[in-house]
Structures are given as C-alpha cells and as structure tokens.
Amino acid sequence: MLQKRNIGLAILFSLITCGIYALYWMYQISADTRMLVGNSDSGGPGTDLLLDIVTCGIFGFFVVYQSAKRIHQAEQDREMRTSDDALMLTILYAFAGIISFAIIQSKINAIANSYNV
C-alpha cells in the first residue's frame, strides 16, 4: 500500500540519526516507486539499500534516477501533470541528497492523494 510520509519529519529524523533514517527512507522510496509502476525487475529495494551501503553512497545516484523515472511513468499512467526530473534530481543528490528524497516523496504523496480522490 502506498503510504504518504511527512517530509519534514523524515528530514528531521534523518538529521537526528546521522543519516540512518535516510537509508530507511531511500528503501521506502524505492519500494513505493516500484509498486507504482508494477516493476518486478531483478533486485528490489533491499538490493538497492545494500548496494548503496557497499558502494559508500554511489549507488544512491542510480536509485534516485530510477525512482524519478518510475514516478514520471506513474504520473503519465495516471494522466497527471508531469515532468521528467530524473536528471535534475540526480544532480541535486550530489549536493543535497536529502532534498532529492524530499522532492521524490512529495511526488509520491501527490500520487497517493490521487488514489484517495
């Protein structure tokens, strides 16, 4: 089930836990975006998390890019106003990864709201 998350609290928890909550948040974003598009390709959110940890955060760029692409596809499928922000979010991840997560979560929350209408 697609779950809306409070972005402010997620950022706060990420800062308080020195990034540990951000890893959980990335896992949830990966799981939510895969569910949105029915993506069952190899791996999964657990694999994304493990590879991000093993590569010291480098794999996170791929996770952000793929999550943004999945959201763009989900928005198109639901005929929502959309733009492909994958490249912008990936570049932003290099400077402020948590902001990329916040933008992606905002889009997930918007899609979750469309389910409730």
N, C-alpha and C. Protein backbone atom coordinates (compact mmCIF):
# COMPACT_ATOMS: atom_id res chain seq x y z
N MET A 1 0.84 -1.18 0.00
CA MET A 1 0.00 0.00 0.00
C MET A 1 0.88 1.25 0.00
N LEU A 2 0.53 2.18 -0.82
CA LEU A 2 1.28 3.43 -0.93
C LEU A 2 1.02 4.29 0.30
N GLN A 3 2.10 4.68 0.97
CA GLN A 3 1.96 5.43 2.20
C GLN A 3 2.51 6.85 2.05
N LYS A 4 1.69 7.82 2.46
CA LYS A 4 2.15 9.20 2.48
C LYS A 4 3.04 9.37 3.71
N ARG A 5 4.12 10.12 3.53
CA ARG A 5 5.04 10.38 4.65
C ARG A 5 5.20 11.87 4.84
N ASN A 6 5.36 12.27 6.09
CA ASN A 6 5.60 13.67 6.43
C ASN A 6 7.06 13.98 6.09
N ILE A 7 7.26 14.86 5.12
CA ILE A 7 8.60 15.15 4.63
C ILE A 7 9.44 15.85 5.69
N GLY A 8 8.84 16.79 6.41
CA GLY A 8 9.57 17.50 7.45
C GLY A 8 10.09 16.57 8.53
N LEU A 9 9.25 15.63 8.96
CA LEU A 9 9.68 14.67 9.98
C LEU A 9 10.76 13.73 9.44
N ALA A 10 10.63 13.34 8.19
CA ALA A 10 11.64 12.46 7.59
C ALA A 10 13.00 13.14 7.55
N ILE A 11 13.00 14.43 7.19
CA ILE A 11 14.26 15.17 7.18
C ILE A 11 14.81 15.30 8.60
N LEU A 12 13.94 15.63 9.54
CA LEU A 12 14.37 15.76 10.93
C LEU A 12 14.94 14.44 11.47
N PHE A 13 14.25 13.33 11.23
CA PHE A 13 14.74 12.03 11.69
C PHE A 13 16.06 11.67 11.02
N SER A 14 16.22 12.03 9.75
CA SER A 14 17.47 11.76 9.05
C SER A 14 18.63 12.52 9.68
N LEU A 15 18.37 13.76 10.06
CA LEU A 15 19.42 14.57 10.70
C LEU A 15 19.74 14.06 12.10
N ILE A 16 18.70 13.74 12.87
CA ILE A 16 18.89 13.28 14.25
C ILE A 16 19.65 11.95 14.29
N THR A 17 19.37 11.07 13.35
CA THR A 17 20.00 9.75 13.35
C THR A 17 21.28 9.71 12.51
N CYS A 18 21.77 10.86 12.12
CA CYS A 18 23.01 10.96 11.33
C CYS A 18 22.94 10.15 10.03
N GLY A 19 21.78 10.16 9.40
CA GLY A 19 21.62 9.55 8.08
C GLY A 19 21.07 8.14 8.08
N ILE A 20 20.94 7.52 9.24
CA ILE A 20 20.42 6.15 9.27
C ILE A 20 18.97 6.12 8.79
N TYR A 21 18.16 7.09 9.23
CA TYR A 21 16.78 7.13 8.77
C TYR A 21 16.72 7.42 7.27
N ALA A 22 17.68 8.16 6.74
CA ALA A 22 17.72 8.45 5.30
C ALA A 22 17.87 7.15 4.50
N LEU A 23 18.62 6.20 5.04
CA LEU A 23 18.75 4.90 4.37
C LEU A 23 17.40 4.17 4.34
N TYR A 24 16.70 4.21 5.46
CA TYR A 24 15.36 3.62 5.51
C TYR A 24 14.42 4.33 4.54
N TRP A 25 14.52 5.66 4.50
CA TRP A 25 13.69 6.46 3.62
C TRP A 25 13.96 6.09 2.17
N MET A 26 15.23 5.91 1.81
CA MET A 26 15.58 5.53 0.45
C MET A 26 14.99 4.15 0.12
N TYR A 27 15.05 3.23 1.09
CA TYR A 27 14.47 1.91 0.90
C TYR A 27 12.97 2.03 0.61
N GLN A 28 12.27 2.85 1.40
CA GLN A 28 10.82 3.02 1.22
C GLN A 28 10.49 3.69 -0.12
N ILE A 29 11.28 4.67 -0.51
CA ILE A 29 11.06 5.34 -1.80
C ILE A 29 11.22 4.34 -2.93
N SER A 30 12.27 3.52 -2.85
CA SER A 30 12.49 2.51 -3.88
C SER A 30 11.33 1.53 -3.94
N ALA A 31 10.86 1.09 -2.78
CA ALA A 31 9.74 0.14 -2.74
C ALA A 31 8.46 0.78 -3.27
N ASP A 32 8.18 2.02 -2.87
CA ASP A 32 6.96 2.70 -3.31
C ASP A 32 6.95 2.94 -4.81
N THR A 33 8.08 3.39 -5.35
CA THR A 33 8.12 3.68 -6.78
C THR A 33 8.04 2.40 -7.61
N ARG A 34 8.62 1.33 -7.11
CA ARG A 34 8.49 0.05 -7.82
C ARG A 34 7.04 -0.42 -7.82
N MET A 35 6.36 -0.24 -6.69
CA MET A 35 4.97 -0.64 -6.60
C MET A 35 4.10 0.19 -7.54
N LEU A 36 4.41 1.47 -7.69
CA LEU A 36 3.61 2.35 -8.54
C LEU A 36 3.56 1.89 -9.98
N VAL A 37 4.67 1.39 -10.47
CA VAL A 37 4.73 1.00 -11.88
C VAL A 37 4.68 -0.51 -12.08
N GLY A 38 4.52 -1.26 -10.99
CA GLY A 38 4.48 -2.71 -11.11
C GLY A 38 5.81 -3.28 -11.56
N ASN A 39 6.89 -2.67 -11.11
CA ASN A 39 8.23 -3.06 -11.51
C ASN A 39 8.68 -4.27 -10.71
N SER A 40 8.97 -5.35 -11.41
CA SER A 40 9.45 -6.55 -10.74
C SER A 40 10.78 -7.00 -11.35
N ASP A 41 11.59 -6.03 -11.78
CA ASP A 41 12.88 -6.39 -12.36
C ASP A 41 13.77 -6.98 -11.28
N SER A 42 14.92 -7.45 -11.69
CA SER A 42 15.82 -8.09 -10.74
C SER A 42 16.18 -7.14 -9.61
N GLY A 43 16.41 -7.71 -8.47
CA GLY A 43 16.72 -6.90 -7.30
C GLY A 43 15.46 -6.38 -6.67
N GLY A 44 15.60 -5.37 -5.89
CA GLY A 44 14.48 -4.77 -5.19
C GLY A 44 15.00 -3.70 -4.26
N PRO A 45 14.16 -3.18 -3.41
CA PRO A 45 14.61 -2.11 -2.51
C PRO A 45 15.70 -2.56 -1.55
N GLY A 46 15.67 -3.82 -1.13
CA GLY A 46 16.72 -4.34 -0.26
C GLY A 46 18.06 -4.37 -0.97
N THR A 47 18.05 -4.78 -2.22
CA THR A 47 19.27 -4.80 -3.02
C THR A 47 19.78 -3.39 -3.24
N ASP A 48 18.86 -2.45 -3.50
CA ASP A 48 19.26 -1.05 -3.67
C ASP A 48 19.95 -0.54 -2.41
N LEU A 49 19.38 -0.83 -1.26
CA LEU A 49 19.96 -0.38 0.00
C LEU A 49 21.33 -1.00 0.24
N LEU A 50 21.43 -2.30 0.03
CA LEU A 50 22.71 -2.98 0.23
C LEU A 50 23.79 -2.44 -0.70
N LEU A 51 23.46 -2.26 -1.96
CA LEU A 51 24.44 -1.74 -2.91
C LEU A 51 24.83 -0.29 -2.59
N ASP A 52 23.90 0.49 -2.08
CA ASP A 52 24.21 1.86 -1.67
C ASP A 52 25.21 1.85 -0.51
N ILE A 53 25.00 0.96 0.44
CA ILE A 53 25.91 0.87 1.59
C ILE A 53 27.28 0.38 1.14
N VAL A 54 27.31 -0.67 0.31
CA VAL A 54 28.58 -1.27 -0.13
C VAL A 54 29.39 -0.28 -0.97
N THR A 55 28.70 0.54 -1.77
CA THR A 55 29.42 1.49 -2.63
C THR A 55 29.60 2.86 -1.97
N CYS A 56 29.35 2.92 -0.68
CA CYS A 56 29.51 4.17 0.09
C CYS A 56 28.68 5.31 -0.49
N GLY A 57 27.48 5.01 -0.93
CA GLY A 57 26.55 6.03 -1.39
C GLY A 57 26.52 6.28 -2.88
N ILE A 58 27.44 5.70 -3.61
CA ILE A 58 27.48 5.95 -5.05
C ILE A 58 26.27 5.36 -5.75
N PHE A 59 25.83 4.19 -5.31
CA PHE A 59 24.66 3.55 -5.94
C PHE A 59 23.39 4.37 -5.70
N GLY A 60 23.42 5.25 -4.71
CA GLY A 60 22.28 6.11 -4.43
C GLY A 60 21.90 6.97 -5.62
N PHE A 61 22.89 7.37 -6.43
CA PHE A 61 22.61 8.15 -7.63
C PHE A 61 21.70 7.37 -8.57
N PHE A 62 21.99 6.08 -8.73
CA PHE A 62 21.18 5.23 -9.59
C PHE A 62 19.78 5.06 -9.01
N VAL A 63 19.69 4.90 -7.69
CA VAL A 63 18.39 4.72 -7.04
C VAL A 63 17.53 5.97 -7.24
N VAL A 64 18.11 7.14 -7.05
CA VAL A 64 17.37 8.39 -7.23
C VAL A 64 16.92 8.53 -8.68
N TYR A 65 17.82 8.26 -9.62
CA TYR A 65 17.48 8.37 -11.04
C TYR A 65 16.33 7.42 -11.41
N GLN A 66 16.46 6.16 -11.00
CA GLN A 66 15.43 5.18 -11.34
C GLN A 66 14.10 5.50 -10.66
N SER A 67 14.15 5.95 -9.41
CA SER A 67 12.92 6.30 -8.70
C SER A 67 12.21 7.46 -9.40
N ALA A 68 12.98 8.46 -9.82
CA ALA A 68 12.39 9.60 -10.53
C ALA A 68 11.79 9.16 -11.86
N LYS A 69 12.45 8.27 -12.55
CA LYS A 69 11.91 7.75 -13.82
C LYS A 69 10.60 6.98 -13.58
N ARG A 70 10.57 6.19 -12.51
CA ARG A 70 9.35 5.43 -12.21
C ARG A 70 8.19 6.38 -11.86
N ILE A 71 8.48 7.43 -11.10
CA ILE A 71 7.44 8.39 -10.75
C ILE A 71 6.92 9.08 -12.01
N HIS A 72 7.82 9.45 -12.90
CA HIS A 72 7.40 10.08 -14.15
C HIS A 72 6.47 9.15 -14.92
N GLN A 73 6.82 7.87 -14.98
CA GLN A 73 5.97 6.91 -15.67
C GLN A 73 4.62 6.77 -14.96
N ALA A 74 4.62 6.71 -13.63
CA ALA A 74 3.37 6.59 -12.88
C ALA A 74 2.48 7.81 -13.09
N GLU A 75 3.09 9.00 -13.13
CA GLU A 75 2.31 10.22 -13.36
C GLU A 75 1.70 10.21 -14.75
N GLN A 76 2.45 9.74 -15.74
CA GLN A 76 1.92 9.66 -17.09
C GLN A 76 0.78 8.65 -17.16
N ASP A 77 0.94 7.52 -16.49
CA ASP A 77 -0.10 6.49 -16.50
C ASP A 77 -1.40 7.01 -15.89
N ARG A 78 -1.29 7.91 -14.92
CA ARG A 78 -2.47 8.46 -14.24
C ARG A 78 -2.91 9.79 -14.85
N GLU A 79 -2.30 10.15 -15.97
CA GLU A 79 -2.61 11.38 -16.70
C GLU A 79 -2.52 12.61 -15.79
N MET A 80 -1.49 12.61 -14.96
CA MET A 80 -1.23 13.76 -14.08
C MET A 80 -0.27 14.71 -14.79
N ARG A 81 -0.27 15.93 -14.34
CA ARG A 81 0.70 16.89 -14.84
C ARG A 81 2.08 16.41 -14.44
N THR A 82 2.98 16.28 -15.39
CA THR A 82 4.25 15.62 -15.12
C THR A 82 5.41 16.29 -15.83
N SER A 83 6.58 16.10 -15.28
CA SER A 83 7.82 16.46 -15.95
C SER A 83 8.86 15.43 -15.53
N ASP A 84 9.78 15.16 -16.42
CA ASP A 84 10.83 14.18 -16.14
C ASP A 84 11.97 14.89 -15.41
N ASP A 85 12.01 14.73 -14.10
CA ASP A 85 13.01 15.41 -13.27
C ASP A 85 14.17 14.50 -12.90
N ALA A 86 14.32 13.37 -13.56
CA ALA A 86 15.32 12.39 -13.16
C ALA A 86 16.74 12.96 -13.16
N LEU A 87 17.12 13.64 -14.21
CA LEU A 87 18.48 14.17 -14.30
C LEU A 87 18.71 15.27 -13.25
N MET A 88 17.74 16.15 -13.11
CA MET A 88 17.87 17.24 -12.14
C MET A 88 17.98 16.69 -10.72
N LEU A 89 17.16 15.69 -10.38
CA LEU A 89 17.20 15.11 -9.05
C LEU A 89 18.50 14.35 -8.80
N THR A 90 19.03 13.72 -9.83
CA THR A 90 20.30 13.01 -9.69
C THR A 90 21.45 13.98 -9.44
N ILE A 91 21.46 15.08 -10.15
CA ILE A 91 22.49 16.10 -9.92
C ILE A 91 22.32 16.72 -8.54
N LEU A 92 21.09 17.01 -8.15
CA LEU A 92 20.82 17.57 -6.83
C LEU A 92 21.26 16.61 -5.73
N TYR A 93 21.13 15.31 -5.97
CA TYR A 93 21.54 14.30 -4.99
C TYR A 93 23.03 14.44 -4.63
N ALA A 94 23.84 14.87 -5.58
CA ALA A 94 25.27 15.04 -5.32
C ALA A 94 25.53 16.12 -4.27
N PHE A 95 24.68 17.12 -4.22
CA PHE A 95 24.91 18.26 -3.32
C PHE A 95 24.05 18.20 -2.07
N ALA A 96 22.85 17.70 -2.20
CA ALA A 96 21.92 17.63 -1.07
C ALA A 96 20.97 16.46 -1.29
N GLY A 97 21.45 15.27 -0.98
CA GLY A 97 20.68 14.06 -1.24
C GLY A 97 19.33 14.05 -0.58
N ILE A 98 19.26 14.61 0.61
CA ILE A 98 18.01 14.59 1.36
C ILE A 98 16.93 15.45 0.67
N ILE A 99 17.36 16.48 -0.05
CA ILE A 99 16.40 17.30 -0.79
C ILE A 99 15.83 16.50 -1.96
N SER A 100 16.65 15.69 -2.60
CA SER A 100 16.15 14.82 -3.67
C SER A 100 15.10 13.87 -3.13
N PHE A 101 15.37 13.29 -1.95
CA PHE A 101 14.39 12.40 -1.34
C PHE A 101 13.10 13.15 -1.04
N ALA A 102 13.22 14.38 -0.57
CA ALA A 102 12.04 15.18 -0.22
C ALA A 102 11.18 15.45 -1.46
N ILE A 103 11.81 15.78 -2.57
CA ILE A 103 11.06 16.04 -3.81
C ILE A 103 10.38 14.78 -4.31
N ILE A 104 11.12 13.66 -4.27
CA ILE A 104 10.53 12.39 -4.71
C ILE A 104 9.36 12.02 -3.80
N GLN A 105 9.55 12.20 -2.48
CA GLN A 105 8.47 11.87 -1.55
C GLN A 105 7.25 12.76 -1.78
N SER A 106 7.48 14.01 -2.12
CA SER A 106 6.39 14.93 -2.42
C SER A 106 5.57 14.42 -3.60
N LYS A 107 6.26 13.91 -4.60
CA LYS A 107 5.56 13.37 -5.78
C LYS A 107 4.81 12.09 -5.43
N ILE A 108 5.41 11.24 -4.57
CA ILE A 108 4.73 10.04 -4.13
C ILE A 108 3.48 10.40 -3.35
N ASN A 109 3.58 11.41 -2.48
CA ASN A 109 2.42 11.87 -1.70
C ASN A 109 1.32 12.38 -2.61
N ALA A 110 1.68 13.08 -3.69
CA ALA A 110 0.69 13.60 -4.64
C ALA A 110 -0.04 12.44 -5.33
N ILE A 111 0.69 11.41 -5.69
CA ILE A 111 0.07 10.24 -6.33
C ILE A 111 -0.83 9.53 -5.32
N ALA A 112 -0.36 9.43 -4.08
CA ALA A 112 -1.19 8.79 -3.03
C ALA A 112 -2.47 9.58 -2.82
N ASN A 113 -2.41 10.91 -2.89
CA ASN A 113 -3.61 11.73 -2.78
C ASN A 113 -4.58 11.45 -3.93
N SER A 114 -4.06 11.21 -5.12
CA SER A 114 -4.93 10.94 -6.26
C SER A 114 -5.67 9.62 -6.10
N TYR A 115 -5.09 8.68 -5.34
CA TYR A 115 -5.79 7.42 -5.05
C TYR A 115 -7.00 7.66 -4.15
N ASN A 116 -6.89 8.63 -3.25
CA ASN A 116 -7.94 8.89 -2.26
C ASN A 116 -9.07 9.75 -2.79
N VAL A 117 -8.93 10.28 -4.00
CA VAL A 117 -9.96 11.16 -4.55
C VAL A 117 -11.09 10.36 -5.11
